[in-house]
PDB file of N, CA and C in Angstrom:
ATOM      1  N   MET A   1      12.719 -10.045  12.494  1.00  0.00           N
ATOM      2  CA  MET A   1      11.337  -9.785  12.809  1.00  0.00           C
ATOM      3  C   MET A   1      10.510 -10.017  11.543  1.00  0.00           C
ATOM      4  N   VAL A   2       9.344 -10.599  11.708  1.00  0.00           N
ATOM      5  CA  VAL A   2       8.379 -10.756  10.622  1.00  0.00           C
ATOM      6  C   VAL A   2       7.128  -9.990  11.033  1.00  0.00           C
ATOM      7  N   VAL A   3       6.627  -9.161  10.144  1.00  0.00           N
ATOM      8  CA  VAL A   3       5.436  -8.369  10.433  1.00  0.00           C
ATOM      9  C   VAL A   3       4.432  -8.497   9.300  1.00  0.00           C
ATOM     10  N   SER A   4       3.166  -8.387   9.652  1.00  0.00           N
ATOM     11  CA  SER A   4       2.132  -8.393   8.624  1.00  0.00           C
ATOM     12  C   SER A   4       1.980  -6.976   8.076  1.00  0.00           C
ATOM     13  N   VAL A   5       1.780  -6.905   6.766  1.00  0.00           N
ATOM     14  CA  VAL A   5       1.684  -5.612   6.086  1.00  0.00           C
ATOM     15  C   VAL A   5       0.571  -5.640   5.051  1.00  0.00           C
ATOM     16  N   LYS A   6       0.221  -4.444   4.613  1.00  0.00           N
ATOM     17  CA  LYS A   6      -0.646  -4.285   3.441  1.00  0.00           C
ATOM     18  C   LYS A   6       0.032  -3.272   2.539  1.00  0.00           C
ATOM     19  N   GLU A   7      -0.240  -3.356   1.257  1.00  0.00           N
ATOM     20  CA  GLU A   7       0.295  -2.342   0.356  1.00  0.00           C
ATOM     21  C   GLU A   7      -0.434  -1.042   0.666  1.00  0.00           C
ATOM     22  N   THR A   8       0.318   0.015   0.896  1.00  0.00           N
ATOM     23  CA  THR A   8      -0.302   1.281   1.282  1.00  0.00           C
ATOM     24  C   THR A   8      -0.813   2.033   0.057  1.00  0.00           C
ATOM     25  N   GLU A   9      -1.881   2.746   0.253  1.00  0.00           N
ATOM     26  CA  GLU A   9      -2.439   3.563  -0.824  1.00  0.00           C
ATOM     27  C   GLU A   9      -1.756   4.928  -0.877  1.00  0.00           C
ATOM     28  N   SER A  10      -1.132   5.330   0.198  1.00  0.00           N
ATOM     29  CA  SER A  10      -0.483   6.643   0.278  1.00  0.00           C
ATOM     30  C   SER A  10       1.007   6.494   0.011  1.00  0.00           C
ATOM     31  N   ASN A  11       1.373   6.491  -1.255  1.00  0.00           N
ATOM     32  CA  ASN A  11       2.761   6.271  -1.634  1.00  0.00           C
ATOM     33  C   ASN A  11       3.578   7.541  -1.403  1.00  0.00           C
ATOM     34  N   PRO A  12       4.656   7.450  -0.597  1.00  0.00           N
ATOM     35  CA  PRO A  12       5.435   8.654  -0.282  1.00  0.00           C
ATOM     36  C   PRO A  12       6.153   9.259  -1.487  1.00  0.00           C
ATOM     37  N   TYR A  13       6.314   8.500  -2.560  1.00  0.00           N
ATOM     38  CA  TYR A  13       6.952   9.039  -3.763  1.00  0.00           C
ATOM     39  C   TYR A  13       6.003   9.942  -4.537  1.00  0.00           C
ATOM     40  N   TYR A  14       4.710   9.834  -4.269  1.00  0.00           N
ATOM     41  CA  TYR A  14       3.760  10.517  -5.142  1.00  0.00           C
ATOM     42  C   TYR A  14       2.749  11.398  -4.404  1.00  0.00           C
ATOM     43  N   VAL A  15       2.193  10.932  -3.290  1.00  0.00           N
ATOM     44  CA  VAL A  15       1.077  11.669  -2.685  1.00  0.00           C
ATOM     45  C   VAL A  15       1.328  12.151  -1.257  1.00  0.00           C
ATOM     46  N   LEU A  16       2.492  11.876  -0.686  1.00  0.00           N
ATOM     47  CA  LEU A  16       2.755  12.322   0.680  1.00  0.00           C
ATOM     48  C   LEU A  16       3.722  13.503   0.688  1.00  0.00           C
ATOM     49  N   PHE A  17       3.389  14.505   1.486  1.00  0.00           N
ATOM     50  CA  PHE A  17       4.180  15.727   1.552  1.00  0.00           C
ATOM     51  C   PHE A  17       4.453  16.095   3.005  1.00  0.00           C
ATOM     52  N   GLU A  18       5.567  16.766   3.233  1.00  0.00           N
ATOM     53  CA  GLU A  18       5.917  17.295   4.542  1.00  0.00           C
ATOM     54  C   GLU A  18       6.031  18.813   4.413  1.00  0.00           C
ATOM     55  N   GLU A  19       5.795  19.497   5.507  1.00  0.00           N
ATOM     56  CA  GLU A  19       5.917  20.944   5.503  1.00  0.00           C
ATOM     57  C   GLU A  19       7.349  21.327   5.867  1.00  0.00           C
ATOM     58  N   ASN A  20       7.964  22.199   5.061  1.00  0.00           N
ATOM     59  CA  ASN A  20       9.335  22.634   5.375  1.00  0.00           C
ATOM     60  C   ASN A  20       9.303  23.792   6.372  1.00  0.00           C
ATOM     61  N   GLU A  21      10.485  24.285   6.739  1.00  0.00           N
ATOM     62  CA  GLU A  21      10.586  25.345   7.750  1.00  0.00           C
ATOM     63  C   GLU A  21       9.915  26.645   7.329  1.00  0.00           C
ATOM     64  N   SER A  22       9.695  26.821   6.026  1.00  0.00           N
ATOM     65  CA  SER A  22       9.027  28.027   5.529  1.00  0.00           C
ATOM     66  C   SER A  22       7.523  27.847   5.386  1.00  0.00           C
ATOM     67  N   GLY A  23       7.031  26.645   5.709  1.00  0.00           N
ATOM     68  CA  GLY A  23       5.593  26.389   5.616  1.00  0.00           C
ATOM     69  C   GLY A  23       5.128  25.874   4.271  1.00  0.00           C
ATOM     70  N   PHE A  24       6.080  25.584   3.363  1.00  0.00           N
ATOM     71  CA  PHE A  24       5.711  25.059   2.053  1.00  0.00           C
ATOM     72  C   PHE A  24       5.774  23.535   2.065  1.00  0.00           C
ATOM     73  N   LEU A  25       4.916  22.922   1.265  1.00  0.00           N
ATOM     74  CA  LEU A  25       4.915  21.469   1.175  1.00  0.00           C
ATOM     75  C   LEU A  25       5.992  20.991   0.220  1.00  0.00           C
ATOM     76  N   LYS A  26       6.682  19.935   0.610  1.00  0.00           N
ATOM     77  CA  LYS A  26       7.668  19.283  -0.260  1.00  0.00           C
ATOM     78  C   LYS A  26       7.412  17.789  -0.195  1.00  0.00           C
ATOM     79  N   LYS A  27       7.766  17.073  -1.251  1.00  0.00           N
ATOM     80  CA  LYS A  27       7.546  15.636  -1.290  1.00  0.00           C
ATOM     81  C   LYS A  27       8.277  14.961  -0.140  1.00  0.00           C
ATOM     82  N   SER A  28       7.627  13.960   0.455  1.00  0.00           N
ATOM     83  CA  SER A  28       8.242  13.227   1.558  1.00  0.00           C
ATOM     84  C   SER A  28       9.407  12.369   1.083  1.00  0.00           C
ATOM     85  N   LYS A  29       9.316  11.867  -0.123  1.00  0.00           N
ATOM     86  CA  LYS A  29      10.382  11.029  -0.676  1.00  0.00           C
ATOM     87  C   LYS A  29      10.548  11.408  -2.142  1.00  0.00           C
ATOM     88  N   GLU A  30      11.763  11.737  -2.524  1.00  0.00           N
ATOM     89  CA  GLU A  30      12.015  12.205  -3.885  1.00  0.00           C
ATOM     90  C   GLU A  30      12.022  11.055  -4.889  1.00  0.00           C
ATOM     91  N   GLY A  31      11.532  11.344  -6.054  1.00  0.00           N
ATOM     92  CA  GLY A  31      11.503  10.413  -7.179  1.00  0.00           C
ATOM     93  C   GLY A  31      10.894  11.134  -8.364  1.00  0.00           C
ATOM     94  N   SER A  32      11.195  10.684  -9.547  1.00  0.00           N
ATOM     95  CA  SER A  32      10.644  11.345 -10.736  1.00  0.00           C
ATOM     96  C   SER A  32       9.669  10.391 -11.415  1.00  0.00           C
ATOM     97  N   PHE A  33       8.471  10.326 -10.862  1.00  0.00           N
ATOM     98  CA  PHE A  33       7.439   9.431 -11.379  1.00  0.00           C
ATOM     99  C   PHE A  33       6.271  10.261 -11.883  1.00  0.00           C
ATOM    100  N   THR A  34       5.781   9.924 -13.063  1.00  0.00           N
ATOM    101  CA  THR A  34       4.649  10.637 -13.638  1.00  0.00           C
ATOM    102  C   THR A  34       3.335  10.109 -13.071  1.00  0.00           C
ATOM    103  N   ARG A  35       3.278   8.783 -12.878  1.00  0.00           N
ATOM    104  CA  ARG A  35       2.054   8.160 -12.373  1.00  0.00           C
ATOM    105  C   ARG A  35       2.335   7.423 -11.065  1.00  0.00           C
ATOM    106  N   ARG A  36       1.349   7.398 -10.185  1.00  0.00           N
ATOM    107  CA  ARG A  36       1.476   6.690  -8.915  1.00  0.00           C
ATOM    108  C   ARG A  36       1.789   5.218  -9.149  1.00  0.00           C
ATOM    109  N   GLN A  37       1.212   4.653 -10.189  1.00  0.00           N
ATOM    110  CA  GLN A  37       1.401   3.231 -10.486  1.00  0.00           C
ATOM    111  C   GLN A  37       2.852   2.890 -10.836  1.00  0.00           C
ATOM    112  N   ASP A  38       3.636   3.883 -11.231  1.00  0.00           N
ATOM    113  CA  ASP A  38       5.039   3.652 -11.591  1.00  0.00           C
ATOM    114  C   ASP A  38       5.974   3.703 -10.380  1.00  0.00           C
ATOM    115  N   CYS A  39       5.479   4.158  -9.245  1.00  0.00           N
ATOM    116  CA  CYS A  39       6.301   4.269  -8.034  1.00  0.00           C
ATOM    117  C   CYS A  39       6.597   2.881  -7.470  1.00  0.00           C
ATOM    118  N   PRO A  40       7.705   2.742  -6.746  1.00  0.00           N
ATOM    119  CA  PRO A  40       7.965   1.473  -6.064  1.00  0.00           C
ATOM    120  C   PRO A  40       6.842   1.178  -5.073  1.00  0.00           C
ATOM    121  N   LYS A  41       6.532  -0.100  -4.884  1.00  0.00           N
ATOM    122  CA  LYS A  41       5.532  -0.474  -3.883  1.00  0.00           C
ATOM    123  C   LYS A  41       6.068  -0.141  -2.499  1.00  0.00           C
ATOM    124  N   VAL A  42       5.192   0.347  -1.659  1.00  0.00           N
ATOM    125  CA  VAL A  42       5.551   0.596  -0.269  1.00  0.00           C
ATOM    126  C   VAL A  42       4.538  -0.122   0.620  1.00  0.00           C
ATOM    127  N   TRP A  43       5.002  -0.487   1.802  1.00  0.00           N
ATOM    128  CA  TRP A  43       4.219  -1.343   2.683  1.00  0.00           C
ATOM    129  C   TRP A  43       3.933  -0.633   3.999  1.00  0.00           C
ATOM    130  N   GLU A  44       2.789  -0.955   4.563  1.00  0.00           N
ATOM    131  CA  GLU A  44       2.345  -0.371   5.823  1.00  0.00           C
ATOM    132  C   GLU A  44       2.049  -1.505   6.797  1.00  0.00           C
ATOM    133  N   TYR A  45       2.620  -1.429   8.002  1.00  0.00           N
ATOM    134  CA  TYR A  45       2.276  -2.426   9.017  1.00  0.00           C
ATOM    135  C   TYR A  45       0.773  -2.389   9.238  1.00  0.00           C
ATOM    136  N   ASN A  46       0.148  -3.571   9.356  1.00  0.00           N
ATOM    137  CA  ASN A  46      -1.275  -3.577   9.688  1.00  0.00           C
ATOM    138  C   ASN A  46      -1.519  -3.984  11.142  1.00  0.00           C
ATOM    139  N   GLY A  47      -0.460  -4.356  11.856  1.00  0.00           N
ATOM    140  CA  GLY A  47      -0.565  -4.607  13.286  1.00  0.00           C
ATOM    141  C   GLY A  47      -1.108  -5.960  13.679  1.00  0.00           C
ATOM    142  N   ALA A  48      -1.398  -6.825  12.716  1.00  0.00           N
ATOM    143  CA  ALA A  48      -1.984  -8.128  13.038  1.00  0.00           C
ATOM    144  C   ALA A  48      -0.944  -9.127  13.539  1.00  0.00           C
ATOM    145  N   ILE A  49       0.252  -9.122  12.943  1.00  0.00           N
ATOM    146  CA  ILE A  49       1.255 -10.134  13.270  1.00  0.00           C
ATOM    147  C   ILE A  49       2.620  -9.493  13.491  1.00  0.00           C
ATOM    148  N   TYR A  50       3.238  -9.830  14.599  1.00  0.00           N
ATOM    149  CA  TYR A  50       4.634  -9.485  14.883  1.00  0.00           C
ATOM    150  C   TYR A  50       5.297 -10.759  15.393  1.00  0.00           C
ATOM    151  N   VAL A  51       6.294 -11.247  14.692  1.00  0.00           N
ATOM    152  CA  VAL A  51       7.053 -12.408  15.141  1.00  0.00           C
ATOM    153  C   VAL A  51       8.476 -11.918  15.405  1.00  0.00           C
ATOM    154  N   ILE A  52       8.875 -11.982  16.686  1.00  0.00           N
ATOM    155  CA  ILE A  52      10.155 -11.413  17.090  1.00  0.00           C
ATOM    156  C   ILE A  52      10.848 -12.373  18.041  1.00  0.00           C
ATOM    157  N   ASN A  53      12.130 -12.540  17.870  1.00  0.00           N
ATOM    158  CA  ASN A  53      12.938 -13.308  18.800  1.00  0.00           C
ATOM    159  C   ASN A  53      12.964 -12.568  20.138  1.00  0.00           C
ATOM    160  N   VAL A  54      12.609 -13.267  21.217  1.00  0.00           N
ATOM    161  CA  VAL A  54      12.507 -12.629  22.526  1.00  0.00           C
ATOM    162  C   VAL A  54      13.832 -12.013  22.962  1.00  0.00           C
ATOM    163  N   LYS A  55      14.942 -12.703  22.730  1.00  0.00           N
ATOM    164  CA  LYS A  55      16.256 -12.173  23.122  1.00  0.00           C
ATOM    165  C   LYS A  55      16.544 -10.867  22.388  1.00  0.00           C
ATOM    166  N   SER A  56      16.204 -10.828  21.107  1.00  0.00           N
ATOM    167  CA  SER A  56      16.426  -9.605  20.324  1.00  0.00           C
ATOM    168  C   SER A  56      15.543  -8.459  20.823  1.00  0.00           C
ATOM    169  N   LEU A  57      14.320  -8.772  21.189  1.00  0.00           N
ATOM    170  CA  LEU A  57      13.404  -7.748  21.670  1.00  0.00           C
ATOM    171  C   LEU A  57      13.870  -7.171  23.006  1.00  0.00           C
ATOM    172  N   LYS A  58      14.474  -8.018  23.835  1.00  0.00           N
ATOM    173  CA  LYS A  58      14.997  -7.531  25.115  1.00  0.00           C
ATOM    174  C   LYS A  58      16.207  -6.614  24.912  1.00  0.00           C
ATOM    175  N   LYS A  59      16.953  -6.835  23.821  1.00  0.00           N
ATOM    176  CA  LYS A  59      18.145  -6.031  23.543  1.00  0.00           C
ATOM    177  C   LYS A  59      17.832  -4.727  22.822  1.00  0.00           C
ATOM    178  N   ASN A  60      16.818  -4.726  21.971  1.00  0.00           N
ATOM    179  CA  ASN A  60      16.537  -3.588  21.098  1.00  0.00           C
ATOM    180  C   ASN A  60      15.092  -3.136  21.201  1.00  0.00           C
ATOM    181  N   ASP A  61      14.895  -1.842  21.012  1.00  0.00           N
ATOM    182  CA  ASP A  61      13.556  -1.308  20.862  1.00  0.00           C
ATOM    183  C   ASP A  61      13.021  -1.778  19.516  1.00  0.00           C
ATOM    184  N   ILE A  62      11.738  -2.039  19.439  1.00  0.00           N
ATOM    185  CA  ILE A  62      11.136  -2.583  18.207  1.00  0.00           C
ATOM    186  C   ILE A  62      11.378  -1.664  17.002  1.00  0.00           C
ATOM    187  N   SER A  63      11.518  -0.374  17.227  1.00  0.00           N
ATOM    188  CA  SER A  63      11.745   0.557  16.111  1.00  0.00           C
ATOM    189  C   SER A  63      13.180   0.506  15.591  1.00  0.00           C
ATOM    190  N   ASN A  64      14.061  -0.197  16.271  1.00  0.00           N
ATOM    191  CA  ASN A  64      15.466  -0.276  15.849  1.00  0.00           C
ATOM    192  C   ASN A  64      15.807  -1.556  15.090  1.00  0.00           C
ATOM    193  N   PHE A  65      14.828  -2.405  14.827  1.00  0.00           N
ATOM    194  CA  PHE A  65      15.107  -3.629  14.084  1.00  0.00           C
ATOM    195  C   PHE A  65      15.408  -3.285  12.627  1.00  0.00           C
ATOM    196  N   SER A  66      16.460  -3.879  12.083  1.00  0.00           N
ATOM    197  CA  SER A  66      16.826  -3.593  10.694  1.00  0.00           C
ATOM    198  C   SER A  66      16.536  -4.784   9.767  1.00  0.00           C
ATOM    199  N   LYS A  67      16.433  -5.971  10.311  1.00  0.00           N
ATOM    200  CA  LYS A  67      16.133  -7.153   9.505  1.00  0.00           C
ATOM    201  C   LYS A  67      14.659  -7.489   9.684  1.00  0.00           C
ATOM    202  N   ILE A  68      13.856  -6.936   8.766  1.00  0.00           N
ATOM    203  CA  ILE A  68      12.400  -7.091   8.849  1.00  0.00           C
ATOM    204  C   ILE A  68      11.899  -7.724   7.564  1.00  0.00           C
ATOM    205  N   LYS A  69      11.148  -8.808   7.698  1.00  0.00           N
ATOM    206  CA  LYS A  69      10.516  -9.469   6.559  1.00  0.00           C
ATOM    207  C   LYS A  69       9.015  -9.222   6.634  1.00  0.00           C
ATOM    208  N   LYS A  70       8.381  -9.176   5.464  1.00  0.00           N
ATOM    209  CA  LYS A  70       6.948  -8.893   5.425  1.00  0.00           C
ATOM    210  C   LYS A  70       6.125 -10.152   5.183  1.00  0.00           C
ATOM    211  N   TYR A  71       4.940 -10.159   5.757  1.00  0.00           N
ATOM    212  CA  TYR A  71       3.906 -11.147   5.466  1.00  0.00           C
ATOM    213  C   TYR A  71       2.733 -10.337   4.939  1.00  0.00           C
ATOM    214  N   ILE A  72       2.459 -10.444   3.648  1.00  0.00           N
ATOM    215  CA  ILE A  72       1.452  -9.604   2.998  1.00  0.00           C
ATOM    216  C   ILE A  72       0.051 -10.126   3.310  1.00  0.00           C
ATOM    217  N   MET A  73      -0.806  -9.219   3.758  1.00  0.00           N
ATOM    218  CA  MET A  73      -2.204  -9.540   4.022  1.00  0.00           C
ATOM    219  C   MET A  73      -3.087  -8.675   3.123  1.00  0.00           C
ATOM    220  N   PRO A  74      -4.250  -9.194   2.724  1.00  0.00           N
ATOM    221  CA  PRO A  74      -5.144  -8.406   1.876  1.00  0.00           C
ATOM    222  C   PRO A  74      -5.762  -7.239   2.641  1.00  0.00           C
ATOM    223  N   LEU A  75      -6.199  -6.240   1.890  1.00  0.00           N
ATOM    224  CA  LEU A  75      -6.772  -5.038   2.493  1.00  0.00           C
ATOM    225  C   LEU A  75      -7.970  -5.343   3.388  1.00  0.00           C
ATOM    226  N   ASN A  76      -8.818  -6.296   2.968  1.00  0.00           N
ATOM    227  CA  ASN A  76     -10.016  -6.576   3.765  1.00  0.00           C
ATOM    228  C   ASN A  76      -9.692  -7.236   5.103  1.00  0.00           C
ATOM    229  N   ASN A  77      -8.467  -7.700   5.291  1.00  0.00           N
ATOM    230  CA  ASN A  77      -8.030  -8.236   6.577  1.00  0.00           C
ATOM    231  C   ASN A  77      -7.097  -7.267   7.290  1.00  0.00           C
ATOM    232  N   SER A  78      -7.036  -6.047   6.823  1.00  0.00           N
ATOM    233  CA  SER A  78      -6.091  -5.063   7.364  1.00  0.00           C
ATOM    234  C   SER A  78      -6.776  -3.763   7.753  1.00  0.00           C
ATOM    235  N   ILE A  79      -7.968  -3.851   8.291  1.00  0.00           N
ATOM    236  CA  ILE A  79      -8.726  -2.647   8.633  1.00  0.00           C
ATOM    237  C   ILE A  79      -8.370  -2.207  10.050  1.00  0.00           C
ATOM    238  N   ASP A  80      -7.855  -1.003  10.174  1.00  0.00           N
ATOM    239  CA  ASP A  80      -7.636  -0.403  11.494  1.00  0.00           C
ATOM    240  C   ASP A  80      -8.966   0.167  11.959  1.00  0.00           C
ATOM    241  N   ILE A  81      -9.294  -0.070  13.204  1.00  0.00           N
ATOM    242  CA  ILE A  81     -10.530   0.494  13.746  1.00  0.00           C
ATOM    243  C   ILE A  81     -10.144   1.607  14.703  1.00  0.00           C
ATOM    244  N   ASP A  82      -9.991   2.801  14.126  1.00  0.00           N
ATOM    245  CA  ASP A  82      -9.610   3.988  14.885  1.00  0.00           C
ATOM    246  C   ASP A  82     -10.739   5.005  14.970  1.00  0.00           C
ATOM    247  N   THR A  83     -11.698   4.885  14.063  1.00  0.00           N
ATOM    248  CA  THR A  83     -12.799   5.850  14.022  1.00  0.00           C
ATOM    249  C   THR A  83     -14.118   5.102  13.894  1.00  0.00           C
ATOM    250  N   GLU A  84     -15.206   5.832  14.065  1.00  0.00           N
ATOM    251  CA  GLU A  84     -16.524   5.215  13.901  1.00  0.00           C
ATOM    252  C   GLU A  84     -16.711   4.710  12.469  1.00  0.00           C
ATOM    253  N   LEU A  85     -16.193   5.447  11.487  1.00  0.00           N
ATOM    254  CA  LEU A  85     -16.286   5.009  10.094  1.00  0.00           C
ATOM    255  C   LEU A  85     -15.536   3.694   9.893  1.00  0.00           C
ATOM    256  N   ASP A  86     -14.350   3.563  10.487  1.00  0.00           N
ATOM    257  CA  ASP A  86     -13.600   2.306  10.416  1.00  0.00           C
ATOM    258  C   ASP A  86     -14.433   1.159  10.998  1.00  0.00           C
ATOM    259  N   PHE A  87     -15.067   1.404  12.132  1.00  0.00           N
ATOM    260  CA  PHE A  87     -15.882   0.384  12.780  1.00  0.00           C
ATOM    261  C   PHE A  87     -17.047  -0.031  11.881  1.00  0.00           C
ATOM    262  N   LEU A  88     -17.694   0.944  11.250  1.00  0.00           N
ATOM    263  CA  LEU A  88     -18.806   0.639  10.346  1.00  0.00           C
ATOM    264  C   LEU A  88     -18.334  -0.184   9.153  1.00  0.00           C
ATOM    265  N   MET A  89     -17.168   0.154   8.608  1.00  0.00           N
ATOM    266  CA  MET A  89     -16.627  -0.618   7.482  1.00  0.00           C
ATOM    267  C   MET A  89     -16.319  -2.048   7.898  1.00  0.00           C
ATOM    268  N   ALA A  90     -15.676  -2.217   9.060  1.00  0.00           N
ATOM    269  CA  ALA A  90     -15.351  -3.557   9.548  1.00  0.00           C
ATOM    270  C   ALA A  90     -16.631  -4.353   9.792  1.00  0.00           C
ATOM    271  N   SER A  91     -17.646  -3.712  10.345  1.00  0.00           N
ATOM    272  CA  SER A  91     -18.928  -4.378  10.579  1.00  0.00           C
ATOM    273  C   SER A  91     -19.572  -4.830   9.274  1.00  0.00           C
ATOM    274  N   LEU A  92     -19.509  -3.975   8.269  1.00  0.00           N
ATOM    275  CA  LEU A  92     -20.058  -4.312   6.953  1.00  0.00           C
ATOM    276  C   LEU A  92     -19.303  -5.495   6.344  1.00  0.00           C
ATOM    277  N   PHE A  93     -17.987  -5.486   6.446  1.00  0.00           N
ATOM    278  CA  PHE A  93     -17.184  -6.598   5.926  1.00  0.00           C
ATOM    279  C   PHE A  93     -17.573  -7.904   6.598  1.00  0.00           C
ATOM    280  N   LEU A  94     -17.755  -7.864   7.910  1.00  0.00           N
ATOM    281  CA  LEU A  94     -18.159  -9.068   8.647  1.00  0.00           C
ATOM    282  C   LEU A  94     -19.547  -9.524   8.217  1.00  0.00           C
ATOM    283  N   LYS A  95     -20.453  -8.572   8.082  1.00  0.00           N
ATOM    284  CA  LYS A  95     -21.841  -8.880   7.689  1.00  0.00           C
ATOM    285  C   LYS A  95     -21.880  -9.508   6.304  1.00  0.00           C
ATOM    286  N   LYS A  96     -21.076  -8.978   5.379  1.00  0.00           N
ATOM    287  CA  LYS A  96     -21.053  -9.467   3.991  1.00  0.00           C
ATOM    288  C   LYS A  96     -20.110 -10.661   3.820  1.00  0.00           C
ATOM    289  N   ASN A  97     -19.393 -11.020   4.907  1.00  0.00           N
ATOM    290  CA  ASN A  97     -18.426 -12.121   4.879  1.00  0.00           C
ATOM    291  C   ASN A  97     -17.350 -11.899   3.816  1.00  0.00           C
ATOM    292  N   ILE A  98     -16.827 -10.686   3.802  1.00  0.00           N
ATOM    293  CA  ILE A  98     -15.797 -10.313   2.830  1.00  0.00           C
ATOM    294  C   ILE A  98     -14.440 -10.651   3.387  1.00  0.00           C
TER     295      ILE A  98
END
């Protein structure tokens, strides 16, 4: 499978936390990094492109694919429109031809 991605701003090694059974926050992914910039790059699907072999898709659920390659897209082409603010940002990008 080939999917389009963007580099995520929310790196699980540094800024993402999960709540444990006692209600305390713990890091989502362990690592000993002082700065976010030192963490490994992580990628987020942007939903624009999915290239999948039809036979493989019929055999497996999309979440079970293990051989996944990325196609990196810039942030300005990776805007999810889930909220009114997202829509306003996308509209501004179109208006400014960004």
